[in-house]
Amino acid sequence: MARPLVYYAVSIFMGCFTFLILINSPILGAVIAASFLAVMYLTIDKKFYYLILCFFITSAINYYSYFNINLPNAQKVKVRISDKSNYFCYAKSNNKKIILEGNIFELTEGRNVWITGNFKKMPVYERGIVGTYIVNDYKICDEDLISKVESFRKDLYQKFSKVLGKEKTALVMAVCFGDSGFIEKTQKEDFKKLGISHVISVSGLHMSIVYKALEIIIGYKIALLFSFLYMIFTGGQSSTIRAFIMIFILKISSKVYKKYDSLSSVSLAAIILLLFRPFYILDIGFMLSFLCVLGIILFNKKIKKVLYKLPKALNESFSLSISSQIFSLPYAIFTLKTFSFGFLFSNLLLLPFYTVVVVLGNIGLILSGVQELFNLINYGLYTILTIIEFIQKILGVILPEIIYFSYIESLVVFGLYLCYLGIKSGYEQFKYLPLCVIFVFAYQNYKVFPEISYISVNNNDIVLIQYRSDTIAVTTGNINVKDLKVPVKVDSVFRGYKGDSTMNLSSKAIIRLISHGNKLEAQVCFLEKSNIKSNLEAFNNRGSEFTAYKSIIKLKKDETYTPKGTIINKHIILGNKVLKF
């Protein structure tokens, strides 16, 4: 059978995905597994089918084993701090991610630490987090190679900032080395509006630029070695690992006189990544990286032929940009719920300049110990970054604002795209499905199940409550409806909320809101008896309550960056369960 690696990659992905669904809905998971295996059984050779089955089962077991971990309580556990900010601290234990809480204020990124405390198994599947460890005490270990690399990265930031300033240095660290921790929120929003957010995270594009420059100077063997080290230095993101594997296979295949196949190469990269990091099936960076490459492989040459009248440079740029978006754009709209009209124009104008930044930044990395040459590189970077800032300001004025989609709208866009592909493939029955859009849009604001969302505007928390045809917003600050970048009609806004009160959410549940300064904490209290009516218009007095609760669930808000006024987390109440999105 042609391209067996493609089938193996799909089987591994479906094995992980099926087990994820099984955890939340055993019946649906069983249906998906049976459907996939039935399709494989009916469409491929029977001997080959058993290999597919083995990959499917192995990946499901691998996904289960990753999240099935229990760290010992009240015993020393060695972890490495992988990500640290003022709001959160992530660590890795045996290559599995955990959240650290408690006594963690003096911990620094990259260091090995012996910790003692209590572990709670609380998996966050979309982030690969297996649980939370409450730290009572810790002891920082001596520096090793990885912690020295992290210290070197911080020193590099200080060296760049002396010449470039903090704002430009933040861009260099993000664009060249994948460290976006120095980027301000306003900068991230500007990048999102222009549709070039991928620039500030080291991706396959960056890896390709670095490798090509190295190959020209020192040959492919040493270039592969340095590219591998660059992949490690920039944090080993899914997109850079994928790009390195594909480059490695491309170069090795020509040396052993084998024909290079792009689809098989990208499939092998997916297999390797999902075997070691099965949680990547929900990682947006992983999905966008592979969908971009898949679009380029399948459609780049076809688009080039269509645009043959354009000059070669424009043809290649347009073809690459358009083909990379064919699969990734619908997925991005579905997951991120935003769309930038100016992405094509911005990429066409700005990517050549950012390519120069990647090259100069990495030369600066190599020459950071030679002050005179390092300063010379910095002057070049300063000039290019000044030009970039000028272009971005102009684009920011002339390009339209970002469009924000609701969950339903993003689902409709994704569904329409699938309909288009179906009609394009000759399935005429798909042409009737878009009629459902009228019904969906008519009832998109009607919520069958209660939904509670966290939003942040100017450091003030907002809790958005939606049930049936009612939508209200509760905020600790003085926020206007126009500050909310959500495509729903808000019926009323409770501003300047203080204290601890409840609101009748449904006949079976009450929502409790507790203010902590400008922060809001939401809890769902499930009742012993269904004896109340839904009322999102008024708060209850906590002192007069006598209702017995069956269970209370605290709705957690992720301390992660999202554009101002957009939803950080959404919680949907189904019966006595709360699903977090």
Protein backbone atom coordinates (compact mmCIF):
# COMPACT_ATOMS: atom_id res chain seq x y z
CA MET A 1 0.00 0.00 0.00
CA ALA A 2 1.26 3.47 -0.92
CA ARG A 3 2.39 5.76 1.92
CA PRO A 4 1.74 3.46 4.92
CA LEU A 5 3.17 6.10 7.30
CA VAL A 6 0.16 8.31 6.55
CA TYR A 7 -2.19 5.55 7.76
CA TYR A 8 -0.05 4.92 10.86
CA ALA A 9 -0.08 8.64 11.75
CA VAL A 10 -3.87 8.87 11.34
CA SER A 11 -4.32 5.71 13.46
CA ILE A 12 -2.16 7.09 16.27
CA PHE A 13 -4.02 10.41 16.22
CA MET A 14 -7.41 8.66 16.27
CA GLY A 15 -6.28 6.35 19.10
CA CYS A 16 -5.39 9.34 21.29
CA PHE A 17 -8.51 11.26 20.28
CA THR A 18 -10.81 8.29 20.90
CA PHE A 19 -9.45 7.70 24.39
CA LEU A 20 -9.89 11.39 25.20
CA ILE A 21 -13.56 11.15 24.18
CA LEU A 22 -13.95 7.87 26.10
CA ILE A 23 -12.90 9.63 29.31
CA ASN A 24 -15.74 12.16 29.01
CA SER A 25 -18.34 10.12 27.11
CA PRO A 26 -17.81 6.32 26.94
CA ILE A 27 -20.68 5.79 24.49
CA LEU A 28 -19.53 8.48 22.05
CA GLY A 29 -15.94 7.28 22.32
CA ALA A 30 -16.97 3.72 21.55
CA VAL A 31 -18.99 4.89 18.53
CA ILE A 32 -16.02 6.89 17.17
CA ALA A 33 -13.62 3.98 17.69
CA ALA A 34 -15.97 1.47 16.06
CA SER A 35 -16.66 3.80 13.12
CA PHE A 36 -12.98 4.47 12.44
CA LEU A 37 -11.96 0.82 12.67
CA ALA A 38 -14.92 -0.22 10.51
CA VAL A 39 -13.93 2.24 7.78
CA MET A 40 -10.35 0.97 7.89
CA TYR A 41 -11.49 -2.66 7.77
CA LEU A 42 -13.68 -2.05 4.70
CA THR A 43 -11.20 0.06 2.73
CA ILE A 44 -7.74 -1.46 3.20
CA ASP A 45 -6.05 -4.85 2.93
CA LYS A 46 -6.82 -7.14 5.88
CA LYS A 47 -3.16 -7.85 6.75
CA PHE A 48 -2.45 -4.14 6.75
CA TYR A 49 -5.56 -3.57 8.87
CA TYR A 50 -4.05 -5.44 11.83
CA LEU A 51 -1.06 -3.11 11.79
CA ILE A 52 -3.45 -0.16 11.85
CA LEU A 53 -5.27 -1.76 14.79
CA CYS A 54 -1.99 -2.20 16.69
CA PHE A 55 -1.05 1.46 16.22
CA PHE A 56 -4.56 2.52 17.28
CA ILE A 57 -4.53 0.45 20.49
CA THR A 58 -0.93 1.38 21.34
CA SER A 59 -1.64 5.10 21.04
CA ALA A 60 -4.78 4.81 23.20
CA ILE A 61 -2.79 3.00 25.91
CA ASN A 62 0.01 5.57 25.58
CA TYR A 63 -2.47 8.43 26.05
CA TYR A 64 -3.92 6.75 29.15
CA SER A 65 -0.50 6.05 30.68
CA TYR A 66 0.63 9.66 30.22
CA PHE A 67 -2.17 11.06 32.39
CA ASN A 68 -2.34 8.11 34.80
CA ILE A 69 0.25 9.28 37.32
CA ASN A 70 0.29 9.75 41.08
CA LEU A 71 3.22 11.56 42.68
CA PRO A 72 4.01 10.55 46.28
CA ASN A 73 2.71 12.83 49.04
CA ALA A 74 4.98 14.13 51.84
CA GLN A 75 8.05 12.75 50.02
CA LYS A 76 10.75 14.50 48.04
CA VAL A 77 10.00 14.78 44.33
CA LYS A 78 12.48 16.12 41.80
CA VAL A 79 11.00 18.46 39.18
CA ARG A 80 12.29 20.98 36.66
CA ILE A 81 10.60 24.39 36.45
CA SER A 82 9.49 24.69 32.82
CA ASP A 83 7.49 27.93 32.86
CA LYS A 84 7.20 30.59 35.56
CA SER A 85 5.37 33.92 35.73
CA ASN A 86 3.65 36.08 38.34
CA TYR A 87 0.44 34.08 37.86
CA PHE A 88 1.47 30.44 37.43
CA CYS A 89 4.30 27.95 37.70
CA TYR A 90 4.61 24.81 35.58
CA ALA A 91 7.11 22.03 36.17
CA LYS A 92 7.99 18.65 34.67
CA SER A 93 8.34 15.40 36.56
CA ASN A 94 9.45 12.42 34.46
CA ASN A 95 8.61 14.50 31.37
CA LYS A 96 5.02 15.06 32.58
CA LYS A 97 3.69 18.56 33.20
CA ILE A 98 2.31 19.57 36.59
CA ILE A 99 1.10 22.85 38.09
CA LEU A 100 2.93 24.04 41.21
CA GLU A 101 1.06 26.03 43.84
CA GLY A 102 1.91 27.17 47.36
CA ASN A 103 5.45 28.07 48.39
CA ILE A 104 6.87 28.76 44.91
CA PHE A 105 7.73 32.47 44.83
CA GLU A 106 11.53 32.15 44.64
CA LEU A 107 11.61 29.38 42.05
CA THR A 108 13.19 30.25 38.71
CA GLU A 109 12.66 28.86 35.23
CA GLY A 110 14.97 26.05 34.11
CA ARG A 111 16.15 24.92 37.57
CA ASN A 112 15.84 21.46 39.05
CA VAL A 113 14.11 21.50 42.45
CA TRP A 114 13.39 18.95 45.17
CA ILE A 115 9.85 19.62 46.42
CA THR A 116 7.68 18.17 49.17
CA GLY A 117 3.95 18.56 49.56
CA ASN A 118 0.73 17.02 48.28
CA PHE A 119 -0.24 15.99 44.76
CA LYS A 120 -3.77 16.25 43.38
CA LYS A 121 -4.54 14.38 40.19
CA MET A 122 -6.35 17.07 38.15
CA PRO A 123 -5.61 16.51 34.45
CA VAL A 124 -5.93 19.38 31.98
CA TYR A 125 -5.94 17.39 28.76
CA GLU A 126 -5.54 20.25 26.28
CA ARG A 127 -2.28 21.35 27.97
CA GLY A 128 -0.83 17.98 28.87
CA ILE A 129 -1.05 18.77 32.60
CA VAL A 130 -1.49 15.69 34.78
CA GLY A 131 -2.25 17.42 38.09
CA THR A 132 -1.47 20.07 40.70
CA TYR A 133 1.23 19.83 43.37
CA ILE A 134 0.81 21.95 46.52
CA VAL A 135 4.39 22.78 47.55
CA ASN A 136 5.13 22.99 51.27
CA ASP A 137 8.91 23.11 51.04
CA TYR A 138 11.61 22.95 48.38
CA LYS A 139 15.36 22.80 47.84
CA ILE A 140 16.94 24.19 44.68
CA CYS A 141 19.46 21.84 43.05
CA ASP A 142 22.83 22.84 41.63
CA GLU A 143 22.89 24.25 38.11
CA ASP A 144 23.02 21.75 35.27
CA LEU A 145 23.34 22.22 31.50
CA ILE A 146 19.67 23.13 30.94
CA SER A 147 19.58 25.68 33.76
CA LYS A 148 22.82 27.20 32.45
CA VAL A 149 21.23 27.53 29.01
CA GLU A 150 18.27 29.32 30.64
CA SER A 151 20.66 31.66 32.47
CA PHE A 152 22.48 32.32 29.19
CA ARG A 153 19.16 33.20 27.55
CA LYS A 154 18.45 35.77 30.28
CA ASP A 155 21.94 37.25 29.92
CA LEU A 156 21.39 37.44 26.16
CA TYR A 157 18.21 39.45 26.75
CA GLN A 158 20.14 41.94 28.88
CA LYS A 159 22.83 42.31 26.19
CA PHE A 160 20.31 42.95 23.42
CA SER A 161 18.26 45.37 25.53
CA LYS A 162 21.25 47.66 26.17
CA VAL A 163 21.26 48.60 22.48
CA LEU A 164 17.75 47.80 21.23
CA GLY A 165 15.63 48.73 24.24
CA LYS A 166 13.12 46.46 25.95
CA GLU A 167 10.37 46.51 23.30
CA LYS A 168 12.61 45.65 20.35
CA THR A 169 14.56 43.10 22.40
CA ALA A 170 11.30 41.38 23.33
CA LEU A 171 10.60 40.95 19.61
CA VAL A 172 14.08 39.57 18.94
CA MET A 173 13.81 37.06 21.79
CA ALA A 174 10.39 35.90 20.59
CA VAL A 175 11.08 35.85 16.84
CA CYS A 176 14.57 34.33 17.02
CA PHE A 177 14.54 32.18 20.15
CA GLY A 178 10.90 31.40 20.89
CA ASP A 179 10.86 33.25 24.22
CA SER A 180 7.65 35.31 24.14
CA GLY A 181 7.66 36.00 27.88
CA PHE A 182 8.95 39.54 27.33
CA ILE A 183 6.26 40.47 24.77
CA GLU A 184 3.67 42.93 26.09
CA LYS A 185 -0.04 42.14 25.76
CA THR A 186 -0.59 45.15 23.51
CA GLN A 187 2.10 43.86 21.14
CA LYS A 188 0.42 40.46 21.01
CA GLU A 189 -2.91 42.07 20.16
CA ASP A 190 -1.27 44.04 17.34
CA PHE A 191 0.23 40.86 15.93
CA LYS A 192 -3.13 39.14 16.14
CA LYS A 193 -4.87 41.97 14.29
CA LEU A 194 -2.30 41.75 11.49
CA GLY A 195 -2.59 37.95 11.32
CA ILE A 196 1.12 37.36 11.97
CA SER A 197 1.02 35.84 15.47
CA HIS A 198 3.02 32.88 14.17
CA VAL A 199 6.03 35.19 13.78
CA ILE A 200 6.54 35.58 17.56
CA SER A 201 6.87 31.85 18.17
CA VAL A 202 9.68 29.83 16.63
CA SER A 203 8.06 27.71 13.93
CA GLY A 204 8.99 25.57 10.97
CA LEU A 205 9.61 28.76 8.99
CA HIS A 206 12.29 29.87 11.47
CA MET A 207 13.91 26.43 11.47
CA SER A 208 14.02 26.42 7.66
CA ILE A 209 15.62 29.88 7.55
CA VAL A 210 18.26 28.95 10.14
CA TYR A 211 19.07 25.63 8.46
CA LYS A 212 19.30 27.15 4.96
CA ALA A 213 21.66 29.89 6.14
CA LEU A 214 23.84 27.35 7.98
CA GLU A 215 23.90 24.93 5.04
CA ILE A 216 25.19 27.63 2.69
CA ILE A 217 28.02 28.50 5.10
CA ILE A 218 29.11 25.18 6.67
CA GLY A 219 27.47 22.37 4.70
CA TYR A 220 24.52 20.11 5.46
CA LYS A 221 26.13 17.82 8.11
CA ILE A 222 27.18 20.56 10.52
CA ALA A 223 24.03 22.51 9.62
CA LEU A 224 21.89 19.56 10.77
CA LEU A 225 23.80 19.40 14.07
CA PHE A 226 23.45 23.13 14.74
CA SER A 227 19.78 23.03 13.70
CA PHE A 228 19.21 20.28 16.28
CA LEU A 229 20.89 22.41 18.96
CA TYR A 230 18.79 25.41 17.86
CA MET A 231 15.64 23.29 18.23
CA ILE A 232 16.66 22.43 21.82
CA PHE A 233 17.67 26.02 22.64
CA THR A 234 14.31 27.42 21.49
CA GLY A 235 12.34 25.04 23.69
CA GLY A 236 11.61 22.09 21.39
CA GLN A 237 8.20 23.29 20.19
CA SER A 238 6.10 20.93 18.08
CA SER A 239 6.53 23.02 14.93
CA THR A 240 10.34 23.16 15.18
CA ILE A 241 10.60 19.43 15.91
CA ARG A 242 8.36 18.72 12.92
CA ALA A 243 10.45 20.97 10.68
CA PHE A 244 13.74 19.43 11.86
CA ILE A 245 12.51 15.88 11.24
CA MET A 246 11.35 16.79 7.73
CA ILE A 247 14.63 18.58 6.91
CA PHE A 248 16.63 15.64 8.29
CA ILE A 249 14.69 13.11 6.19
CA LEU A 250 14.97 15.32 3.08
CA LYS A 251 18.76 15.56 3.35
CA ILE A 252 19.36 11.95 4.36
CA SER A 253 17.10 10.53 1.63
CA SER A 254 19.14 12.22 -1.10
CA LYS A 255 22.36 10.81 0.35
CA VAL A 256 21.07 7.21 0.45
CA TYR A 257 19.51 7.52 -3.02
CA LYS A 258 15.91 7.31 -1.83
CA LYS A 259 13.05 9.39 -3.18
CA TYR A 260 11.78 11.97 -0.70
CA ASP A 261 8.03 11.94 -0.08
CA SER A 262 6.64 14.98 1.75
CA LEU A 263 3.46 13.30 3.01
CA SER A 264 5.38 10.35 4.46
CA SER A 265 7.90 12.72 6.03
CA VAL A 266 5.28 14.86 7.77
CA SER A 267 3.47 11.67 8.86
CA LEU A 268 6.65 10.30 10.47
CA ALA A 269 7.08 13.60 12.32
CA ALA A 270 3.50 13.33 13.62
CA ILE A 271 4.07 9.71 14.73
CA ILE A 272 7.21 10.61 16.70
CA LEU A 273 5.62 13.63 18.38
CA LEU A 274 2.37 11.87 19.34
CA LEU A 275 4.17 8.85 20.75
CA PHE A 276 6.22 11.05 23.10
CA ARG A 277 3.62 13.78 23.68
CA PRO A 278 0.16 12.29 23.12
CA PHE A 279 -1.56 15.40 24.54
CA TYR A 280 -0.52 17.26 21.38
CA ILE A 281 -3.79 16.19 19.74
CA LEU A 282 -5.35 19.23 21.48
CA ASP A 283 -2.35 21.53 21.07
CA ILE A 284 -3.20 24.40 18.73
CA GLY A 285 0.44 24.93 17.71
CA PHE A 286 0.83 21.27 16.76
CA MET A 287 -2.36 21.22 14.72
CA LEU A 288 -1.69 24.52 12.93
CA SER A 289 1.86 23.48 12.08
CA PHE A 290 0.81 20.20 10.48
CA LEU A 291 -2.25 21.66 8.76
CA CYS A 292 -0.12 24.45 7.24
CA VAL A 293 2.39 21.94 5.89
CA LEU A 294 -0.37 19.67 4.60
CA GLY A 295 -1.92 22.58 2.71
CA ILE A 296 1.44 23.52 1.20
CA ILE A 297 2.17 19.92 0.13
CA LEU A 298 -1.22 19.41 -1.51
CA PHE A 299 -2.01 22.82 -3.00
CA ASN A 300 1.11 24.98 -3.38
CA LYS A 301 1.97 23.78 -6.90
CA LYS A 302 -1.66 24.00 -8.04
CA ILE A 303 -1.98 27.61 -6.85
CA LYS A 304 1.32 28.48 -8.54
CA LYS A 305 -0.15 27.31 -11.85
CA VAL A 306 -3.27 29.42 -11.33
CA LEU A 307 -1.17 32.53 -10.56
CA TYR A 308 1.34 31.95 -13.37
CA LYS A 309 0.88 35.50 -14.73
CA LEU A 310 2.31 37.07 -11.57
CA PRO A 311 6.06 37.76 -11.26
CA LYS A 312 7.94 34.79 -9.82
CA ALA A 313 8.60 36.35 -6.40
CA LEU A 314 4.96 37.39 -5.94
CA ASN A 315 3.72 34.06 -7.26
CA GLU A 316 5.78 32.11 -4.74
CA SER A 317 4.80 34.36 -1.81
CA PHE A 318 1.08 34.32 -2.63
CA SER A 319 1.05 30.59 -3.36
CA LEU A 320 2.83 29.74 -0.11
CA SER A 321 0.60 32.02 2.00
CA ILE A 322 -2.67 30.85 0.43
CA SER A 323 -1.84 27.13 0.41
CA SER A 324 -0.69 27.20 4.04
CA GLN A 325 -4.07 28.66 5.07
CA ILE A 326 -6.34 26.20 3.23
CA PHE A 327 -6.55 23.77 6.16
CA SER A 328 -5.15 25.89 9.00
CA LEU A 329 -7.48 28.90 8.60
CA PRO A 330 -10.78 27.02 9.21
CA TYR A 331 -9.19 25.25 12.19
CA ALA A 332 -7.86 28.56 13.57
CA ILE A 333 -11.30 30.19 13.27
CA PHE A 334 -12.88 27.18 14.98
CA THR A 335 -10.42 27.11 17.90
CA LEU A 336 -9.33 30.74 18.31
CA LYS A 337 -12.70 32.20 17.20
CA THR A 338 -11.03 35.15 15.48
CA PHE A 339 -10.23 36.12 11.92
CA SER A 340 -7.97 38.84 10.52
CA PHE A 341 -8.83 40.13 7.05
CA GLY A 342 -5.32 41.51 6.60
CA PHE A 343 -3.35 38.31 7.20
CA LEU A 344 -2.38 37.80 3.54
CA PHE A 345 -1.30 41.40 2.97
CA SER A 346 0.57 41.56 6.30
CA ASN A 347 2.44 38.32 5.68
CA LEU A 348 3.41 39.42 2.18
CA LEU A 349 4.85 42.74 3.41
CA LEU A 350 6.35 41.80 6.77
CA LEU A 351 7.70 38.24 6.47
CA PRO A 352 10.74 39.23 4.35
CA PHE A 353 11.78 41.71 7.06
CA TYR A 354 11.23 39.19 9.86
CA THR A 355 13.33 36.69 7.90
CA VAL A 356 16.22 39.17 8.13
CA VAL A 357 15.54 39.54 11.88
CA VAL A 358 15.78 35.75 12.34
CA VAL A 359 19.13 35.63 10.53
CA LEU A 360 20.63 38.67 12.28
CA GLY A 361 19.32 37.60 15.69
CA ASN A 362 20.95 34.19 15.43
CA ILE A 363 24.21 35.74 14.20
CA GLY A 364 23.98 37.97 17.26
CA LEU A 365 23.59 34.84 19.40
CA ILE A 366 26.81 33.41 17.98
CA LEU A 367 28.73 36.70 18.29
CA SER A 368 27.37 37.69 21.71
CA GLY A 369 30.82 37.18 23.24
CA VAL A 370 32.51 39.60 20.80
CA GLN A 371 31.21 43.01 21.83
CA GLU A 372 32.22 45.03 18.74
CA LEU A 373 30.68 42.58 16.27
CA PHE A 374 27.65 42.08 18.52
CA ASN A 375 27.01 45.85 18.55
CA LEU A 376 27.29 45.94 14.75
CA ILE A 377 24.61 43.22 14.45
CA ASN A 378 22.43 45.14 16.90
CA TYR A 379 22.55 48.27 14.76
CA GLY A 380 21.35 46.22 11.80
CA LEU A 381 18.56 44.73 13.93
CA TYR A 382 17.56 48.17 15.19
CA THR A 383 17.21 49.46 11.62
CA ILE A 384 15.13 46.49 10.43
CA LEU A 385 12.90 46.54 13.52
CA THR A 386 12.29 50.29 13.10
CA ILE A 387 11.16 49.66 9.51
CA ILE A 388 8.90 46.83 10.72
CA GLU A 389 7.32 49.05 13.39
CA PHE A 390 6.62 51.75 10.79
CA ILE A 391 4.94 49.27 8.41
CA GLN A 392 2.92 47.71 11.25
CA LYS A 393 1.62 51.11 12.36
CA ILE A 394 0.42 51.88 8.83
CA LEU A 395 -1.19 48.44 8.49
CA GLY A 396 -2.80 48.82 11.91
CA VAL A 397 -4.57 51.97 10.68
CA ILE A 398 -5.68 50.80 7.23
CA LEU A 399 -6.58 47.18 7.97
CA PRO A 400 -10.02 46.30 9.43
CA GLU A 401 -10.42 45.15 13.02
CA ILE A 402 -10.37 41.49 13.98
CA ILE A 403 -13.67 39.64 13.62
CA TYR A 404 -14.62 37.65 16.73
CA PHE A 405 -16.72 34.51 16.37
CA SER A 406 -18.90 32.74 18.89
CA TYR A 407 -18.53 29.00 19.33
CA ILE A 408 -21.59 28.42 17.13
CA GLU A 409 -20.36 30.81 14.43
CA SER A 410 -16.93 29.18 14.33
CA LEU A 411 -18.62 25.79 14.09
CA VAL A 412 -20.73 27.08 11.18
CA VAL A 413 -17.62 28.37 9.35
CA PHE A 414 -15.90 25.03 9.82
CA GLY A 415 -19.03 23.17 8.69
CA LEU A 416 -19.41 25.34 5.58
CA TYR A 417 -15.81 24.64 4.67
CA LEU A 418 -16.41 20.89 4.98
CA CYS A 419 -19.52 21.31 2.79
CA TYR A 420 -17.41 23.09 0.19
CA LEU A 421 -14.87 20.26 0.19
CA GLY A 422 -17.71 17.72 -0.13
CA ILE A 423 -19.29 19.52 -3.10
CA LYS A 424 -15.86 19.97 -4.67
CA SER A 425 -15.31 16.22 -4.39
CA GLY A 426 -18.55 15.50 -6.25
CA TYR A 427 -20.97 14.89 -3.35
CA GLU A 428 -23.89 17.08 -4.47
CA GLN A 429 -25.98 16.26 -1.39
CA PHE A 430 -23.74 18.58 0.64
CA LYS A 431 -25.30 21.61 -1.07
CA TYR A 432 -28.41 21.36 1.13
CA LEU A 433 -26.52 21.50 4.43
CA PRO A 434 -25.84 25.28 4.35
CA LEU A 435 -29.60 25.79 4.79
CA CYS A 436 -29.03 24.78 8.40
CA VAL A 437 -27.00 27.98 8.84
CA ILE A 438 -30.19 30.07 8.86
CA PHE A 439 -31.54 28.02 11.75
CA VAL A 440 -28.23 28.08 13.65
CA PHE A 441 -27.82 31.86 13.38
CA ALA A 442 -31.44 32.42 14.40
CA TYR A 443 -30.90 30.50 17.63
CA GLN A 444 -27.20 31.07 18.32
CA ASN A 445 -27.96 33.25 21.37
CA TYR A 446 -30.32 30.65 22.84
CA LYS A 447 -28.44 28.43 25.29
CA VAL A 448 -30.03 25.08 26.08
CA PHE A 449 -27.51 24.55 28.89
CA PRO A 450 -26.20 27.27 31.23
CA GLU A 451 -22.84 28.71 30.16
CA ILE A 452 -20.48 30.70 32.38
CA SER A 453 -17.45 32.43 30.86
CA TYR A 454 -14.50 34.37 32.25
CA ILE A 455 -13.41 37.57 30.48
CA SER A 456 -10.81 40.17 31.45
CA VAL A 457 -10.79 43.87 30.51
CA ASN A 458 -8.20 46.29 31.93
CA ASN A 459 -7.32 43.83 34.74
CA ASN A 460 -10.98 43.64 35.83
CA ASP A 461 -12.67 40.24 35.79
CA ILE A 462 -16.01 39.76 34.06
CA VAL A 463 -18.25 36.73 34.48
CA LEU A 464 -20.59 36.27 31.51
CA ILE A 465 -23.67 34.17 32.32
CA GLN A 466 -25.84 32.78 29.51
CA TYR A 467 -28.92 30.59 29.84
CA ARG A 468 -31.78 30.22 27.40
CA SER A 469 -32.34 33.69 25.92
CA ASP A 470 -30.82 35.63 28.85
CA THR A 471 -27.25 36.98 28.91
CA ILE A 472 -25.80 39.06 31.73
CA ALA A 473 -22.31 40.25 32.61
CA VAL A 474 -21.03 40.81 36.15
CA THR A 475 -17.82 42.83 36.59
CA THR A 476 -15.77 44.30 39.40
CA GLY A 477 -14.96 47.38 37.31
CA ASN A 478 -16.79 49.98 35.26
CA ILE A 479 -16.94 48.12 31.95
CA ASN A 480 -19.04 48.96 28.91
CA VAL A 481 -20.70 46.38 26.70
CA LYS A 482 -18.57 47.54 23.75
CA ASP A 483 -15.48 46.36 25.67
CA LEU A 484 -16.69 42.77 25.35
CA LYS A 485 -15.37 41.17 22.16
CA VAL A 486 -18.04 38.46 22.16
CA PRO A 487 -20.65 38.09 19.39
CA VAL A 488 -23.65 37.92 21.72
CA LYS A 489 -26.21 40.48 22.84
CA VAL A 490 -25.68 41.27 26.54
CA ASP A 491 -29.02 42.07 28.19
CA SER A 492 -27.61 43.72 31.31
CA VAL A 493 -24.31 44.51 33.03
CA PHE A 494 -23.77 44.55 36.83
CA ARG A 495 -20.84 46.95 37.34
CA GLY A 496 -18.67 47.49 40.41
CA TYR A 497 -19.64 44.15 41.93
CA LYS A 498 -18.38 43.61 45.48
CA GLY A 499 -19.01 40.95 48.07
CA ASP A 500 -20.35 37.40 48.05
CA SER A 501 -23.80 36.74 46.55
CA THR A 502 -25.68 34.08 44.64
CA MET A 503 -28.00 34.02 41.65
CA ASN A 504 -30.57 31.41 40.65
CA LEU A 505 -29.05 29.84 37.55
CA SER A 506 -31.53 27.02 36.92
CA SER A 507 -33.90 24.80 38.86
CA LYS A 508 -30.98 22.59 39.90
CA ALA A 509 -28.11 25.04 40.37
CA ILE A 510 -27.12 28.38 41.86
CA ILE A 511 -24.14 30.46 40.79
CA ARG A 512 -22.11 32.07 43.57
CA LEU A 513 -19.90 35.07 42.79
CA ILE A 514 -17.14 36.15 45.19
CA SER A 515 -15.08 39.29 44.59
CA HIS A 516 -11.39 39.52 45.52
CA GLY A 517 -10.44 43.09 44.69
CA ASN A 518 -10.75 43.36 40.91
CA LYS A 519 -10.92 39.58 40.55
CA LEU A 520 -14.07 37.46 40.47
CA GLU A 521 -14.46 33.85 41.52
CA ALA A 522 -17.47 31.88 40.26
CA GLN A 523 -18.83 28.72 41.86
CA VAL A 524 -21.67 26.46 40.80
CA CYS A 525 -23.71 25.07 43.71
CA PHE A 526 -25.86 22.05 42.85
CA LEU A 527 -29.00 21.78 44.99
CA GLU A 528 -30.26 18.80 46.97
CA LYS A 529 -33.79 19.59 45.73
CA SER A 530 -34.98 21.37 42.60
CA ASN A 531 -37.08 24.02 44.34
CA ILE A 532 -36.12 27.32 42.70
CA LYS A 533 -36.76 29.15 39.45
CA SER A 534 -34.11 30.55 37.15
CA ASN A 535 -33.61 34.30 37.70
CA LEU A 536 -30.64 36.11 36.19
CA GLU A 537 -32.00 39.52 37.10
CA ALA A 538 -31.29 39.69 40.84
CA PHE A 539 -28.78 38.54 43.45
CA ASN A 540 -29.74 36.65 46.59
CA ASN A 541 -28.60 37.73 50.03
CA ARG A 542 -26.05 35.19 51.28
CA GLY A 543 -27.07 35.74 54.88
CA SER A 544 -30.65 34.64 54.28
CA GLU A 545 -29.81 31.39 52.50
CA PHE A 546 -30.94 28.07 53.96
CA THR A 547 -30.73 25.90 50.83
CA ALA A 548 -28.81 22.61 51.13
CA TYR A 549 -26.15 21.99 48.49
CA LYS A 550 -25.36 18.58 47.06
CA SER A 551 -21.99 19.73 45.69
CA ILE A 552 -20.07 22.93 44.99
CA ILE A 553 -17.72 23.28 42.02
CA LYS A 554 -15.27 26.16 41.74
CA LEU A 555 -14.96 27.38 38.15
CA LYS A 556 -11.27 27.91 37.50
CA LYS A 557 -9.90 30.62 35.25
CA ASP A 558 -6.66 29.95 33.38
CA GLU A 559 -4.00 32.59 33.96
CA THR A 560 -3.06 32.79 30.31
CA TYR A 561 -2.96 35.53 27.72
CA THR A 562 -6.05 36.26 25.66
CA PRO A 563 -6.89 39.48 23.80
CA LYS A 564 -8.72 42.06 25.92
CA GLY A 565 -12.45 41.44 26.10
CA THR A 566 -12.37 37.89 24.72
CA ILE A 567 -13.36 34.71 26.53
CA ILE A 568 -10.60 33.10 28.61
CA ASN A 569 -12.54 30.02 29.72
CA LYS A 570 -16.08 28.79 29.19
CA HIS A 571 -17.89 26.37 31.51
CA ILE A 572 -21.03 24.54 30.35
CA ILE A 573 -23.31 22.91 32.94
CA LEU A 574 -24.69 19.53 31.84
CA GLY A 575 -26.84 17.98 34.56
CA ASN A 576 -24.60 17.69 37.62
CA LYS A 577 -21.38 18.08 35.62
CA VAL A 578 -19.39 21.12 34.55
CA LEU A 579 -17.43 20.95 31.28
CA LYS A 580 -14.54 23.38 30.84
CA PHE A 581 -13.53 24.75 27.44
